[in-house]
N, C-alpha and C. Protein backbone atom coordinates (compact mmCIF):
# COMPACT_ATOMS: atom_id res chain seq x y z
N ARG A 1 90.20 190.63 117.33
CA ARG A 1 89.19 190.40 116.36
C ARG A 1 89.58 188.68 115.62
N GLY A 2 91.08 188.80 115.65
CA GLY A 2 91.58 187.72 114.95
C GLY A 2 91.12 185.99 115.68
N HIS A 3 90.83 186.39 116.98
CA HIS A 3 90.39 185.00 118.03
C HIS A 3 89.32 184.84 117.50
N LEU A 4 88.01 185.96 117.67
CA LEU A 4 86.69 185.92 117.12
C LEU A 4 86.34 185.22 115.52
N ARG A 5 87.21 185.93 114.92
CA ARG A 5 87.12 185.52 113.48
C ARG A 5 87.66 183.70 113.28
N ARG A 6 88.44 183.43 114.07
CA ARG A 6 89.23 182.03 114.18
C ARG A 6 87.81 181.05 114.88
N THR A 7 87.60 181.65 115.85
CA THR A 7 86.37 180.89 116.47
C THR A 7 85.17 180.48 115.63
N GLU A 8 84.63 181.63 114.94
CA GLU A 8 83.58 181.70 113.78
C GLU A 8 83.99 180.58 112.82
N ILE A 9 85.20 180.53 111.96
CA ILE A 9 85.37 179.70 111.26
C ILE A 9 85.19 178.22 111.60
N LEU A 10 85.91 178.27 112.79
CA LEU A 10 85.99 176.72 113.47
C LEU A 10 84.80 176.07 113.99
N LEU A 11 83.92 176.83 114.52
CA LEU A 11 82.53 176.65 114.67
C LEU A 11 81.86 175.87 113.61
N ALA A 12 81.97 176.62 112.59
CA ALA A 12 81.47 176.63 111.26
C ALA A 12 82.08 175.30 110.44
N LEU A 13 83.13 174.84 110.59
CA LEU A 13 83.70 173.71 110.45
C LEU A 13 83.37 172.10 110.99
N LEU A 14 83.33 172.86 112.01
CA LEU A 14 82.96 171.53 112.87
C LEU A 14 81.52 171.22 113.23
N HIS A 15 80.66 172.34 113.00
CA HIS A 15 79.14 172.17 112.95
C HIS A 15 78.35 171.69 111.90
N ASP A 16 78.98 171.77 110.63
CA ASP A 16 78.54 171.22 109.45
C ASP A 16 79.41 170.40 108.71
N THR A 17 80.23 169.39 109.58
CA THR A 17 81.21 168.71 108.81
C THR A 17 80.93 167.74 107.27
N PRO A 18 81.30 168.04 106.43
CA PRO A 18 80.90 167.29 105.02
C PRO A 18 81.34 165.62 105.07
N GLU A 19 80.57 164.91 104.44
CA GLU A 19 81.10 163.31 104.49
C GLU A 19 82.40 163.49 103.48
N ASP A 20 82.61 164.30 102.67
CA ASP A 20 83.69 163.90 101.78
C ASP A 20 84.64 164.75 102.37
N PRO A 21 85.76 163.89 102.83
CA PRO A 21 87.22 164.26 103.48
C PRO A 21 87.43 165.29 102.36
N ALA A 22 87.65 165.54 101.09
CA ALA A 22 88.03 166.36 100.33
C ALA A 22 87.51 167.34 100.14
N LEU A 23 86.01 167.65 100.47
CA LEU A 23 85.41 168.87 100.67
C LEU A 23 85.80 169.34 102.19
N PHE A 24 86.08 168.57 102.99
CA PHE A 24 86.35 169.47 104.41
C PHE A 24 87.39 169.98 104.21
N LEU A 25 88.76 169.39 103.59
CA LEU A 25 89.77 170.02 103.32
C LEU A 25 89.49 171.34 102.44
N LYS A 26 88.82 171.58 101.40
CA LYS A 26 88.65 172.73 100.57
C LYS A 26 87.83 173.57 101.51
N ARG A 27 87.14 173.35 102.46
CA ARG A 27 86.49 174.18 103.35
C ARG A 27 87.28 175.10 104.67
N LEU A 28 88.51 174.10 105.00
CA LEU A 28 89.51 174.38 105.58
C LEU A 28 90.59 175.14 105.27
N VAL A 29 90.85 175.21 103.74
CA VAL A 29 91.62 176.11 102.76
C VAL A 29 90.92 177.21 102.89
N ASP A 30 89.55 177.38 102.35
CA ASP A 30 88.80 178.54 102.34
C ASP A 30 88.83 179.28 103.61
N GLY A 31 88.90 178.42 104.78
CA GLY A 31 88.71 179.43 106.19
C GLY A 31 90.09 179.83 106.36
N ALA A 32 91.02 179.16 106.06
CA ALA A 32 92.12 179.78 106.11
C ALA A 32 92.59 181.07 105.88
N MET A 33 92.17 180.88 104.32
CA MET A 33 92.44 182.30 103.64
C MET A 33 91.56 183.35 104.17
N SER A 34 90.15 182.93 104.43
CA SER A 34 89.58 184.01 104.65
C SER A 34 90.32 184.66 106.30
N LEU A 35 90.50 184.12 107.29
CA LEU A 35 91.22 184.24 108.23
C LEU A 35 92.26 185.34 108.36
N THR A 36 93.04 184.86 107.17
CA THR A 36 94.45 185.41 107.02
C THR A 36 94.34 186.60 105.89
N GLY A 37 93.36 186.57 105.39
CA GLY A 37 93.16 187.70 104.30
C GLY A 37 93.96 187.30 103.12
N SER A 38 94.12 186.14 102.54
CA SER A 38 94.94 185.76 101.45
C SER A 38 94.36 185.65 100.34
N SER A 39 94.83 185.49 98.91
CA SER A 39 94.12 185.36 97.81
C SER A 39 94.35 184.05 97.29
N ALA A 40 95.37 183.29 98.08
CA ALA A 40 95.84 182.01 97.69
C ALA A 40 95.64 180.90 98.79
N GLY A 41 95.58 179.58 98.49
CA GLY A 41 96.00 178.55 99.86
C GLY A 41 96.17 177.52 99.57
N GLY A 42 96.68 176.67 100.06
CA GLY A 42 96.48 175.11 100.17
C GLY A 42 96.84 174.33 101.03
N ILE A 43 96.74 172.95 100.52
CA ILE A 43 97.13 172.11 101.98
C ILE A 43 98.15 170.94 101.10
N LEU A 44 98.99 170.32 101.69
CA LEU A 44 100.01 169.52 101.52
C LEU A 44 99.61 168.02 102.18
N LEU A 45 99.57 167.04 101.71
CA LEU A 45 99.42 165.57 102.09
C LEU A 45 100.70 164.93 101.95
N PRO A 46 100.94 163.58 102.78
CA PRO A 46 101.84 163.18 102.21
C PRO A 46 101.18 162.31 101.14
N GLY A 47 102.55 162.24 100.13
CA GLY A 47 102.47 161.40 98.96
C GLY A 47 102.48 159.84 99.09
N VAL A 48 102.38 158.95 97.84
CA VAL A 48 102.52 157.82 97.69
C VAL A 48 104.00 157.24 98.06
N SER A 49 105.14 157.97 97.50
CA SER A 49 106.35 157.26 98.01
C SER A 49 106.74 158.27 99.33
N GLU A 50 107.32 157.33 99.95
CA GLU A 50 107.98 157.78 101.35
C GLU A 50 108.67 159.35 100.80
N GLY A 51 108.42 160.41 101.74
CA GLY A 51 109.21 161.65 101.93
C GLY A 51 108.49 162.65 100.65
N ALA A 52 107.75 162.11 99.93
CA ALA A 52 107.36 162.96 98.87
C ALA A 52 105.78 163.63 99.19
N TRP A 53 105.66 164.71 98.88
CA TRP A 53 104.19 165.43 99.05
C TRP A 53 103.39 165.60 98.05
N LYS A 54 102.13 165.78 98.30
CA LYS A 54 101.21 165.80 97.04
C LYS A 54 100.33 167.43 97.28
N CYS A 55 99.78 168.16 96.75
CA CYS A 55 99.08 168.96 96.86
C CYS A 55 97.45 168.36 96.69
N GLY A 56 96.86 168.59 98.16
CA GLY A 56 95.64 168.08 98.44
C GLY A 56 94.54 168.82 97.79
N VAL A 57 94.81 170.32 98.12
CA VAL A 57 93.83 171.40 97.81
C VAL A 57 94.80 172.69 97.10
N CYS A 58 94.51 172.96 96.20
CA CYS A 58 95.36 174.01 95.95
C CYS A 58 94.43 175.39 95.63
N ARG A 59 94.40 176.64 95.79
CA ARG A 59 93.68 177.84 95.65
C ARG A 59 94.60 178.74 95.22
N GLY A 60 94.84 178.88 93.65
CA GLY A 60 95.71 180.14 93.27
C GLY A 60 97.06 179.58 93.62
N THR A 61 97.92 180.27 93.21
CA THR A 61 99.52 180.03 93.25
C THR A 61 99.92 180.23 94.46
N TRP A 62 100.27 179.12 94.97
CA TRP A 62 101.15 179.29 96.72
C TRP A 62 102.09 177.80 96.92
N SER A 63 101.71 177.13 96.27
CA SER A 63 102.72 175.85 96.33
C SER A 63 103.84 175.88 95.51
N GLU A 64 104.97 175.19 95.72
CA GLU A 64 106.06 175.17 95.02
C GLU A 64 106.65 173.64 95.15
N PRO A 65 106.89 173.40 93.86
CA PRO A 65 107.22 173.85 92.75
C PRO A 65 105.85 173.82 92.07
N ARG A 66 106.05 174.79 90.98
CA ARG A 66 104.84 174.73 90.04
C ARG A 66 104.49 173.81 88.94
N ASN A 67 105.38 172.86 88.90
CA ASN A 67 105.34 172.09 87.82
C ASN A 67 104.74 170.53 88.15
N THR A 68 103.83 170.90 89.16
CA THR A 68 103.33 169.71 89.40
C THR A 68 101.57 169.95 89.66
N GLY A 69 101.00 168.62 88.99
CA GLY A 69 99.44 168.60 88.93
C GLY A 69 98.99 168.35 90.42
N GLU A 70 97.50 168.60 90.33
CA GLU A 70 97.08 168.53 91.93
C GLU A 70 97.23 167.41 92.37
N ASN A 71 97.11 166.39 91.29
CA ASN A 71 97.12 164.91 92.12
C ASN A 71 98.63 164.15 91.92
N SER A 72 99.42 165.08 91.71
CA SER A 72 100.80 164.53 91.34
C SER A 72 101.69 164.97 92.79
N ASP A 73 102.75 163.78 93.17
CA ASP A 73 103.28 163.89 94.14
C ASP A 73 104.42 165.25 94.00
N LEU A 74 104.82 165.94 95.10
CA LEU A 74 105.60 167.06 94.80
C LEU A 74 106.90 166.60 94.91
N VAL A 75 108.16 167.33 94.77
CA VAL A 75 109.51 166.64 94.42
C VAL A 75 109.60 166.70 96.36
N ARG A 76 110.45 165.85 96.48
CA ARG A 76 111.00 165.47 97.86
C ARG A 76 111.45 167.10 98.27
N PRO A 77 111.52 167.17 99.77
CA PRO A 77 111.92 168.45 100.48
C PRO A 77 113.34 168.70 100.13
N VAL A 78 113.34 170.09 99.51
CA VAL A 78 114.76 170.76 99.25
C VAL A 78 115.12 171.97 99.93
N SER A 79 115.89 172.84 99.96
CA SER A 79 116.17 173.81 100.64
C SER A 79 114.89 175.28 99.76
N ASP A 80 114.64 175.26 98.82
CA ASP A 80 113.96 175.99 98.40
C ASP A 80 112.41 175.98 98.75
N PRO A 81 111.84 175.32 98.59
CA PRO A 81 110.45 175.58 99.13
C PRO A 81 109.98 175.70 100.54
N LEU A 82 109.35 177.03 100.82
CA LEU A 82 108.49 177.30 102.15
C LEU A 82 108.62 176.05 102.76
N TRP A 83 107.66 175.59 102.14
CA TRP A 83 106.91 174.46 103.02
C TRP A 83 107.84 173.34 103.54
N ALA A 84 109.33 173.38 102.82
CA ALA A 84 110.13 172.31 103.07
C ALA A 84 110.76 172.62 104.23
N GLU A 85 110.92 173.97 104.65
CA GLU A 85 111.22 174.25 105.89
C GLU A 85 110.57 174.21 106.78
N THR A 86 109.20 174.17 106.65
CA THR A 86 108.34 173.99 108.06
C THR A 86 108.32 172.36 108.30
N LEU A 87 108.49 171.53 106.84
CA LEU A 87 108.80 170.22 107.19
C LEU A 87 109.90 169.92 108.02
N ARG A 88 110.87 170.87 107.80
CA ARG A 88 112.21 170.17 108.63
C ARG A 88 112.17 170.57 109.48
N THR A 89 111.72 171.94 110.18
CA THR A 89 111.63 172.44 111.57
C THR A 89 110.52 172.50 112.25
N GLY A 90 109.49 172.00 111.65
CA GLY A 90 108.18 171.68 112.68
C GLY A 90 107.24 172.83 112.99
N LEU A 91 108.05 174.10 112.29
CA LEU A 91 107.63 175.54 112.82
C LEU A 91 106.69 176.13 111.50
N PRO A 92 106.05 176.97 112.01
CA PRO A 92 105.53 177.80 110.98
C PRO A 92 106.55 178.59 110.16
N ALA A 93 106.55 178.80 108.67
CA ALA A 93 107.51 179.42 107.93
C ALA A 93 106.94 180.80 107.27
N MET A 94 107.81 181.97 107.11
CA MET A 94 107.03 182.74 106.15
C MET A 94 107.90 183.50 105.57
N ARG A 95 107.57 184.27 104.29
CA ARG A 95 108.19 184.85 103.43
C ARG A 95 107.43 186.14 103.38
N GLY A 96 108.16 187.20 103.07
CA GLY A 96 107.76 188.90 103.39
C GLY A 96 107.21 189.20 101.83
N ALA A 97 106.61 190.01 101.44
CA ALA A 97 105.90 190.95 100.47
C ALA A 97 107.35 190.97 99.41
N PRO A 98 107.23 191.04 98.02
CA PRO A 98 106.16 191.33 97.38
C PRO A 98 105.20 190.04 97.08
N ASP A 99 106.17 188.73 97.40
CA ASP A 99 105.55 187.28 97.25
C ASP A 99 105.47 187.02 98.52
N ALA A 100 104.30 187.38 99.59
CA ALA A 100 104.31 186.91 100.60
C ALA A 100 103.82 185.66 100.74
N MET A 101 103.99 184.72 101.65
CA MET A 101 103.55 183.45 101.91
C MET A 101 104.04 182.98 103.23
N MET A 102 102.71 182.02 103.96
CA MET A 102 103.17 181.38 105.27
C MET A 102 102.63 180.14 105.10
N CYS A 103 103.54 179.29 105.75
CA CYS A 103 103.00 177.69 106.07
C CYS A 103 103.22 177.39 107.22
N VAL A 104 102.11 176.50 107.65
CA VAL A 104 102.03 175.90 109.39
C VAL A 104 102.34 174.59 109.08
N PRO A 105 102.68 173.92 109.95
CA PRO A 105 102.36 172.08 110.31
C PRO A 105 100.98 171.86 110.63
N VAL A 106 100.66 171.16 110.21
CA VAL A 106 99.37 170.10 111.36
C VAL A 106 99.80 169.07 111.42
N TYR A 107 99.68 169.08 113.00
CA TYR A 107 100.17 167.48 113.67
C TYR A 107 99.19 166.57 113.94
N ASP A 108 99.14 165.50 114.18
CA ASP A 108 98.56 164.32 114.83
C ASP A 108 99.57 163.47 115.36
N ILE A 109 99.03 163.04 116.64
CA ILE A 109 100.00 162.43 117.65
C ILE A 109 101.34 162.66 117.66
N GLY A 110 101.83 163.71 117.52
CA GLY A 110 103.50 164.22 117.58
C GLY A 110 103.94 164.13 116.08
N ARG A 111 103.07 164.02 114.99
CA ARG A 111 103.89 163.64 113.83
C ARG A 111 103.14 164.77 112.77
N ILE A 112 103.95 165.43 111.88
CA ILE A 112 103.20 166.23 110.87
C ILE A 112 102.40 165.31 109.72
N VAL A 113 101.47 165.33 109.69
CA VAL A 113 100.45 164.92 108.86
C VAL A 113 100.35 165.82 107.48
N ALA A 114 100.14 167.28 107.80
CA ALA A 114 100.14 168.16 106.44
C ALA A 114 100.42 169.53 106.60
N ILE A 115 100.55 170.11 105.79
CA ILE A 115 101.21 171.26 105.62
C ILE A 115 100.17 172.36 105.10
N LEU A 116 99.56 173.28 105.73
CA LEU A 116 98.71 174.09 105.33
C LEU A 116 99.32 175.70 104.91
N GLY A 117 98.87 176.08 103.69
CA GLY A 117 99.65 177.14 103.38
C GLY A 117 98.59 178.24 102.70
N VAL A 118 99.10 179.37 103.16
CA VAL A 118 98.37 180.76 102.76
C VAL A 118 99.40 181.61 102.12
N ALA A 119 99.00 182.62 100.86
CA ALA A 119 99.70 183.52 99.95
C ALA A 119 99.01 184.71 99.65
N GLY A 120 99.64 185.68 99.24
CA GLY A 120 99.19 186.66 98.59
C GLY A 120 98.51 187.67 99.49
N ARG A 121 98.78 187.89 100.66
CA ARG A 121 98.46 188.79 101.49
C ARG A 121 99.55 190.28 101.32
N ALA A 122 98.99 191.28 101.08
CA ALA A 122 99.57 192.42 100.27
C ALA A 122 100.70 192.97 101.42
N ASP A 123 100.21 192.94 102.66
CA ASP A 123 101.42 193.42 103.77
C ASP A 123 101.91 192.27 104.42
N GLY A 124 102.18 191.26 104.03
CA GLY A 124 102.76 189.99 104.61
C GLY A 124 102.13 189.31 105.82
N TYR A 125 102.49 188.54 106.30
CA TYR A 125 101.86 187.70 107.52
C TYR A 125 102.84 188.22 108.88
N SER A 126 102.34 187.80 109.81
CA SER A 126 102.64 188.02 111.01
C SER A 126 102.76 186.82 112.22
N ASP A 127 103.54 186.87 113.03
CA ASP A 127 103.44 185.84 113.93
C ASP A 127 102.10 185.38 114.60
N GLU A 128 101.28 186.31 115.08
CA GLU A 128 100.04 186.09 115.48
C GLU A 128 99.01 185.95 114.42
N GLN A 129 99.27 185.84 113.03
CA GLN A 129 98.39 185.10 112.07
C GLN A 129 98.71 183.67 112.25
N ALA A 130 99.99 183.67 112.20
CA ALA A 130 100.58 181.80 111.99
C ALA A 130 99.98 181.44 113.06
N LEU A 131 99.94 181.97 114.54
CA LEU A 131 99.33 181.18 115.63
C LEU A 131 97.97 181.12 115.36
N GLN A 132 97.12 181.77 114.75
CA GLN A 132 95.70 181.46 114.49
C GLN A 132 95.63 180.52 113.62
N LEU A 133 96.47 180.30 112.62
CA LEU A 133 96.36 179.29 111.51
C LEU A 133 96.65 177.70 112.02
N LYS A 134 97.63 178.06 113.03
CA LYS A 134 98.28 176.96 113.54
C LYS A 134 97.10 176.28 114.62
N ILE A 135 96.64 176.99 115.08
CA ILE A 135 95.28 176.79 116.06
C ILE A 135 94.06 176.04 115.25
N LEU A 136 93.77 176.72 114.18
CA LEU A 136 92.64 176.49 113.52
C LEU A 136 92.72 174.96 112.91
N SER A 137 94.24 174.74 112.08
CA SER A 137 94.50 173.66 111.48
C SER A 137 94.27 172.72 112.56
N ASN A 138 94.95 172.80 113.77
CA ASN A 138 95.38 171.52 114.47
C ASN A 138 94.05 171.40 115.04
N SER A 139 92.98 172.33 115.39
CA SER A 139 91.97 171.92 115.90
C SER A 139 90.88 171.08 115.42
N THR A 140 90.88 171.29 113.79
CA THR A 140 90.05 170.79 113.04
C THR A 140 90.40 169.46 112.37
N TRP A 141 91.98 169.25 112.40
CA TRP A 141 92.41 167.99 111.92
C TRP A 141 91.90 166.70 112.42
N PRO A 142 91.41 166.53 113.64
CA PRO A 142 90.60 165.27 114.08
C PRO A 142 89.35 164.90 113.19
N ALA A 143 88.72 165.88 112.93
CA ALA A 143 87.49 165.73 111.94
C ALA A 143 87.74 165.59 111.01
N VAL A 144 89.08 166.01 110.30
CA VAL A 144 89.19 165.32 109.07
C VAL A 144 89.67 163.61 109.11
N GLY A 145 90.47 163.63 109.96
CA GLY A 145 90.25 161.98 110.20
C GLY A 145 88.98 161.26 110.50
N ARG A 146 88.29 161.70 111.42
CA ARG A 146 87.21 161.07 111.34
C ARG A 146 86.08 161.46 110.09
N SER A 147 86.41 162.15 109.55
CA SER A 147 85.46 162.24 107.75
C SER A 147 86.10 161.31 107.31
N ARG A 148 87.63 160.93 107.02
CA ARG A 148 88.17 159.85 106.40
C ARG A 148 87.82 158.70 106.58
N ALA A 149 87.88 158.14 108.02
CA ALA A 149 87.49 157.07 108.51
C ALA A 149 86.16 156.46 108.27
N GLU A 150 85.22 157.59 108.05
CA GLU A 150 84.00 157.33 107.86
C GLU A 150 83.57 157.19 106.29
N ALA A 151 84.49 157.78 105.65
CA ALA A 151 84.52 157.48 104.18
C ALA A 151 84.59 156.29 103.72
N ASP A 152 86.10 155.77 104.62
CA ASP A 152 86.58 154.55 104.04
C ASP A 152 85.53 153.29 104.73
N LEU A 153 84.89 153.80 105.63
CA LEU A 153 83.66 152.78 106.50
C LEU A 153 82.73 152.43 105.34
N ARG A 154 82.26 153.74 104.73
CA ARG A 154 81.50 153.47 103.61
C ARG A 154 81.76 152.52 102.45
N VAL A 155 82.88 153.02 102.13
CA VAL A 155 83.43 151.88 100.98
C VAL A 155 83.37 150.71 101.44
N GLU A 156 83.83 150.31 102.40
CA GLU A 156 83.95 148.86 102.87
C GLU A 156 82.55 148.73 103.16
N ARG A 157 81.61 149.14 103.36
CA ARG A 157 80.30 148.71 103.78
C ARG A 157 79.71 148.28 102.41
N ASP A 158 79.74 149.23 101.25
CA ASP A 158 79.37 149.12 100.09
C ASP A 158 79.98 147.82 99.48
N LEU A 159 81.36 147.44 99.59
CA LEU A 159 81.84 146.38 99.27
C LEU A 159 81.25 145.16 99.64
N LEU A 160 81.14 145.26 101.01
CA LEU A 160 80.43 143.83 101.63
C LEU A 160 79.14 143.71 101.08
N ARG A 161 78.22 144.62 100.98
CA ARG A 161 76.91 144.65 100.52
C ARG A 161 77.07 144.05 99.00
N ALA A 162 77.62 144.47 98.43
CA ALA A 162 77.89 143.77 96.96
C ALA A 162 78.05 142.65 96.75
N THR A 163 79.19 142.27 97.93
CA THR A 163 79.79 140.57 97.98
C THR A 163 78.32 139.62 98.27
N LEU A 164 77.83 140.35 99.47
CA LEU A 164 76.87 139.40 100.27
C LEU A 164 75.58 139.25 98.73
N LEU A 165 75.38 140.21 98.25
CA LEU A 165 73.94 140.32 97.35
C LEU A 165 74.64 139.26 96.09
N SER A 166 75.75 139.07 96.11
CA SER A 166 76.21 138.57 94.54
C SER A 166 76.40 137.19 95.31
N ILE A 167 76.65 136.56 96.47
CA ILE A 167 76.56 135.13 96.70
C ILE A 167 75.44 134.27 96.65
N GLY A 168 76.00 132.96 95.85
CA GLY A 168 75.04 132.12 95.31
C GLY A 168 73.95 131.62 96.52
N ASP A 169 74.34 131.28 97.99
CA ASP A 169 73.79 130.85 98.94
C ASP A 169 72.86 132.16 99.10
N ALA A 170 71.62 131.58 100.10
CA ALA A 170 70.87 132.77 100.39
C ALA A 170 71.06 133.47 101.98
N VAL A 171 71.31 134.75 101.94
CA VAL A 171 71.88 135.43 102.85
C VAL A 171 70.70 136.58 103.06
N ILE A 172 70.57 136.51 104.78
CA ILE A 172 69.76 137.74 105.07
C ILE A 172 70.45 138.11 106.75
N ALA A 173 70.87 139.48 106.30
CA ALA A 173 71.42 140.28 107.52
C ALA A 173 70.56 141.28 108.23
N THR A 174 70.80 141.00 109.70
CA THR A 174 69.68 141.65 110.32
C THR A 174 70.40 142.51 111.27
N ASP A 175 70.01 143.68 111.90
CA ASP A 175 70.64 144.47 112.83
C ASP A 175 70.71 143.89 114.44
N GLY A 176 70.84 144.55 115.43
CA GLY A 176 71.10 144.08 116.38
C GLY A 176 69.78 143.84 117.47
N GLY A 177 68.21 144.43 116.64
CA GLY A 177 66.94 143.94 117.19
C GLY A 177 66.63 142.87 116.21
N GLY A 178 67.12 142.37 115.48
CA GLY A 178 66.87 141.01 114.66
C GLY A 178 65.81 141.67 113.65
N LYS A 179 65.88 142.83 113.10
CA LYS A 179 64.92 143.20 111.70
C LYS A 179 65.94 142.94 110.67
N VAL A 180 65.33 142.93 109.64
CA VAL A 180 66.34 142.64 108.41
C VAL A 180 66.78 143.81 107.77
N THR A 181 68.03 143.81 107.42
CA THR A 181 68.57 145.11 106.75
C THR A 181 69.02 144.83 105.39
N LEU A 182 69.39 143.38 104.94
CA LEU A 182 69.66 143.05 103.51
C LEU A 182 69.26 141.52 103.51
N MET A 183 69.08 141.32 102.05
CA MET A 183 68.76 139.81 101.69
C MET A 183 69.28 140.00 100.11
N ASN A 184 69.72 138.96 99.78
CA ASN A 184 70.24 138.48 98.49
C ASN A 184 69.11 137.84 97.58
N ASP A 185 69.49 137.69 96.37
CA ASP A 185 68.30 137.16 95.15
C ASP A 185 68.07 136.01 95.67
N ALA A 186 68.93 134.89 96.34
CA ALA A 186 68.84 133.77 96.53
C ALA A 186 67.81 133.48 97.70
N ALA A 187 67.98 134.59 98.73
CA ALA A 187 67.09 134.57 100.00
C ALA A 187 65.57 135.12 99.60
N ARG A 188 65.36 135.66 98.56
CA ARG A 188 64.48 136.29 98.09
C ARG A 188 63.39 134.92 97.17
N GLN A 189 64.27 133.86 96.91
CA GLN A 189 63.66 132.78 96.13
C GLN A 189 63.40 131.83 97.49
N LEU A 190 64.26 131.61 98.19
CA LEU A 190 63.84 130.92 99.37
C LEU A 190 62.49 131.64 100.38
N THR A 191 62.47 132.60 100.60
CA THR A 191 61.45 133.20 101.53
C THR A 191 60.24 133.59 100.71
N GLY A 192 60.28 134.16 99.34
CA GLY A 192 59.14 134.38 98.87
C GLY A 192 59.04 136.26 99.15
N TRP A 193 59.72 136.63 99.80
CA TRP A 193 59.96 138.11 100.23
C TRP A 193 60.65 138.87 99.08
N ASP A 194 60.10 139.93 98.82
CA ASP A 194 61.06 140.88 98.12
C ASP A 194 61.71 141.42 99.03
N PRO A 195 63.05 141.66 98.78
CA PRO A 195 64.16 142.49 99.46
C PRO A 195 64.11 143.85 100.17
N GLU A 196 63.06 144.39 99.28
CA GLU A 196 62.75 146.13 99.49
C GLU A 196 61.64 145.85 100.71
N GLN A 197 60.66 145.12 100.24
CA GLN A 197 59.61 144.86 101.37
C GLN A 197 60.00 144.37 102.73
N ALA A 198 60.99 143.24 102.61
CA ALA A 198 61.65 142.70 103.75
C ALA A 198 62.28 143.60 104.73
N VAL A 199 63.17 144.55 104.40
CA VAL A 199 63.94 145.63 105.06
C VAL A 199 63.40 146.00 105.95
N GLY A 200 63.67 145.70 107.35
CA GLY A 200 62.61 146.68 108.35
C GLY A 200 61.77 145.47 109.21
N GLN A 201 61.55 144.28 108.60
CA GLN A 201 60.87 143.30 109.06
C GLN A 201 61.31 142.38 110.09
N PRO A 202 60.88 141.65 111.04
CA PRO A 202 61.41 141.08 111.87
C PRO A 202 61.80 139.78 111.26
N LEU A 203 62.98 139.15 111.24
CA LEU A 203 63.47 138.05 110.78
C LEU A 203 62.52 136.81 110.85
N ALA A 204 61.83 136.77 112.00
CA ALA A 204 60.78 135.48 112.36
C ALA A 204 59.74 135.72 111.53
N VAL A 205 59.52 137.23 110.97
CA VAL A 205 58.50 136.88 109.82
C VAL A 205 58.82 137.03 108.33
N VAL A 206 60.19 137.45 108.01
CA VAL A 206 60.52 137.33 106.75
C VAL A 206 60.82 135.51 106.89
N LEU A 207 61.64 134.86 107.68
CA LEU A 207 61.99 133.44 107.74
C LEU A 207 61.39 132.78 108.81
N PRO A 208 60.37 132.45 108.98
CA PRO A 208 59.86 131.66 109.85
C PRO A 208 60.36 130.42 110.16
N LEU A 209 61.16 130.33 111.39
CA LEU A 209 61.86 128.62 111.33
C LEU A 209 60.87 127.86 112.51
N ILE A 210 61.15 126.81 112.43
CA ILE A 210 60.54 125.45 113.33
C ILE A 210 61.44 124.44 113.47
N ASP A 211 61.29 124.38 114.91
CA ASP A 211 62.12 123.43 115.57
C ASP A 211 62.21 122.24 115.22
N GLU A 212 63.03 121.25 114.77
CA GLU A 212 62.82 119.94 114.11
C GLU A 212 62.39 118.74 115.07
N HIS A 213 62.53 119.12 116.06
CA HIS A 213 62.19 118.29 117.41
C HIS A 213 60.58 118.27 117.88
N THR A 214 60.20 119.63 118.35
CA THR A 214 59.02 120.20 118.52
C THR A 214 58.14 120.44 117.98
N ARG A 215 58.72 120.84 116.60
CA ARG A 215 57.52 121.48 115.50
C ARG A 215 57.07 122.82 115.97
N GLU A 216 57.80 123.19 117.03
CA GLU A 216 56.97 124.73 117.24
C GLU A 216 58.38 125.78 116.94
N PRO A 217 57.52 127.27 116.50
CA PRO A 217 58.17 128.04 116.00
C PRO A 217 59.40 128.11 116.83
N TYR A 218 60.62 128.28 116.32
CA TYR A 218 62.20 128.64 116.88
C TYR A 218 62.42 129.78 116.60
N VAL A 219 62.75 130.41 117.98
CA VAL A 219 63.37 131.85 117.78
C VAL A 219 64.70 131.77 118.46
N PRO A 220 65.65 132.24 117.21
CA PRO A 220 67.04 132.11 117.37
C PRO A 220 67.51 132.82 118.81
């Protein structure tokens, strides 16, 4: 049953991957809690300072210590937190009832990039559940990286767009087929085309060019 449930959660995560990496992580944590029958869960990510970790997603009480905010760096690994044991050994770590908790490492190219944890299961956790959670997290992590890369690309694209639109010189951008994808206000004044109407039109239509020698239409 555990294998089937893990497969269902994995397919659901990969079939409909959210564009927002934070939302994907929340769904991964929810899937981990569902898979293990846990009432709490979360995922730790590397913090800003070297050796510190922060809570990327926290559902209920599971991460230690408890004096950190969701966006704050956790203290550096010490002997007490269960997640620190996972970080040191690179292996799943479990604690029995009544405060049952389990942490598993998430690897990417041979290094730990996150720690996925669950807590609150009444009868504790087993090695089989640790294995299922490890397979789930490590199978979905490439999608997390892809989602982050796409989010970064969207930010860069928006920044580039804002930069091009603010340039004083006329700028017209086209796709591989030579159709207009963007033009700024200076290009509007030069061509007489409204930028929204120009998008999707061939460049030769929006900006007809004439060869200075032959006076024939010039095709770049």
